[in-house]
Protein backbone atom coordinates (compact mmCIF):
# COMPACT_ATOMS: atom_id res chain seq x y z
CA MET A 1 0.01 -0.01 0.00
CA LYS A 2 1.29 3.45 -0.86
CA SER A 3 1.87 5.96 1.90
CA PRO A 4 -0.45 9.00 1.95
CA THR A 5 2.48 11.28 1.08
CA SER A 6 3.15 9.39 -2.15
CA LEU A 7 -0.36 10.19 -3.30
CA LYS A 8 0.21 13.91 -3.00
CA LYS A 9 1.46 16.10 -5.83
CA PRO A 10 4.47 18.35 -5.29
CA PHE A 11 3.79 22.10 -5.09
CA THR A 12 0.01 21.62 -4.70
CA LYS A 13 -1.72 23.15 -1.69
CA TYR A 14 -4.12 20.99 0.32
CA LYS A 15 -6.33 21.88 3.27
CA SER A 16 -4.10 21.04 6.26
CA THR A 17 -4.46 17.83 8.17
CA ASN A 18 -3.09 19.76 11.16
CA ALA A 19 -6.04 21.22 13.12
CA THR A 20 -4.17 24.45 13.84
CA LYS A 21 -2.93 25.16 10.26
CA LYS A 22 -4.68 26.31 7.07
CA TRP A 23 -2.57 24.69 4.35
CA ASP A 24 -0.19 21.83 3.59
CA VAL A 25 2.16 21.89 0.65
CA TYR A 26 4.51 19.06 -0.37
CA VAL A 27 8.01 20.16 -1.37
CA PRO A 28 10.38 17.76 -3.19
CA THR A 29 13.67 17.03 -1.41
CA SER A 30 17.06 16.23 -2.93
CA GLN A 31 16.50 12.60 -1.91
CA GLY A 32 13.43 12.37 -4.20
CA ARG A 33 10.92 12.46 -1.35
CA LEU A 34 8.18 14.95 -0.50
CA LYS A 35 8.39 17.04 2.68
CA LYS A 36 5.06 18.23 4.02
CA VAL A 37 5.07 21.86 5.19
CA SER A 38 2.03 23.05 7.15
CA TYR A 39 1.52 26.78 7.43
CA GLY A 40 -0.96 29.56 8.17
CA TYR A 41 -2.65 29.64 11.57
CA ARG A 42 -6.23 28.44 11.17
CA GLY A 43 -8.75 30.96 12.37
CA MET A 44 -6.50 33.98 11.71
CA SER A 45 -6.93 36.40 8.85
CA ASP A 46 -4.25 37.02 6.23
CA TYR A 47 -3.62 39.41 3.34
CA THR A 48 -5.48 37.22 0.85
CA LEU A 49 -8.59 37.60 3.04
CA HIS A 50 -8.52 41.16 4.43
CA HIS A 51 -6.63 43.01 1.64
CA ASP A 52 -5.28 45.57 4.18
CA LYS A 53 -1.86 46.81 3.04
CA GLU A 54 -1.00 48.30 6.43
CA ARG A 55 -1.63 44.96 8.19
CA ARG A 56 0.49 43.25 5.52
CA GLU A 57 3.41 45.64 6.18
CA ARG A 58 3.11 45.10 9.93
CA TYR A 59 3.15 41.30 9.45
CA ARG A 60 6.17 41.54 7.14
CA ASN A 61 8.04 43.77 9.61
CA ARG A 62 7.38 41.29 12.45
CA HIS A 63 8.37 38.24 10.40
CA ALA A 64 11.30 39.63 8.35
CA SER A 65 13.74 37.45 10.27
CA ASP A 66 11.77 34.21 9.65
CA HIS A 67 12.97 31.58 7.14
CA ILE A 68 11.40 33.40 4.17
CA ASN A 69 13.87 32.00 1.65
CA ASP A 70 13.63 28.33 2.67
CA PRO A 71 10.74 26.47 0.94
CA TYR A 72 11.00 23.72 3.55
CA LYS A 73 9.88 26.08 6.30
CA PRO A 74 6.38 27.35 7.04
CA GLY A 75 7.61 30.93 7.23
CA PHE A 76 8.43 30.85 3.48
CA TRP A 77 4.92 29.80 2.50
CA SER A 78 3.20 32.20 4.89
CA TRP A 79 5.34 35.10 3.69
CA TRP A 80 4.98 34.48 -0.07
CA HIS A 81 1.51 32.95 -0.25
CA LEU A 82 -0.62 34.38 2.57
CA TRP A 83 1.16 37.74 2.88
CA GLY A 84 2.56 38.12 -0.70
CA SER A 85 2.28 40.88 -3.17
CA THR A 86 -1.29 40.09 -4.29
CA THR A 87 -4.60 39.51 -2.56
CA ASP A 88 -5.50 36.79 -5.09
CA SER A 89 -4.76 33.58 -3.18
CA ALA A 90 -4.29 31.42 -6.31
CA GLU A 91 -1.91 33.89 -7.95
CA ALA A 92 0.00 34.39 -4.66
CA PHE A 93 0.42 30.63 -4.30
CA GLN A 94 1.72 30.29 -7.88
CA GLN A 95 4.20 33.11 -7.23
CA ALA A 96 5.38 31.26 -4.08
CA VAL A 97 5.74 28.00 -6.08
CA ARG A 98 7.83 29.75 -8.79
CA LYS A 99 10.08 31.21 -6.08
CA ALA A 100 10.40 27.83 -4.31
CA LYS A 101 11.39 26.09 -7.56
CA ARG A 102 14.13 28.69 -8.09
CA LEU A 103 15.50 28.08 -4.60
CA ILE A 104 15.62 24.25 -4.55
């Protein structure tokens, strides 16, 4: 029987299996496996929901020292997807995927 991770597609967002997170994304590793990254605190708003540029700037100031350039860390996906340059969640996620692919 295949493991649940092997049924997932890389760089596709799924509703998180973690009760406290919004999204899961599976990022390919150099060993040919997929690493699950859960991100976004469930129940909290984000830029793709509230569209408030001031709140986005405050979030980005608070989290500037997070792992925003490591696609294997939740901070990367929160920064580029949920608090990215656009309020369109689908477009923001695709921008994050393009950036992740350049980094790995």
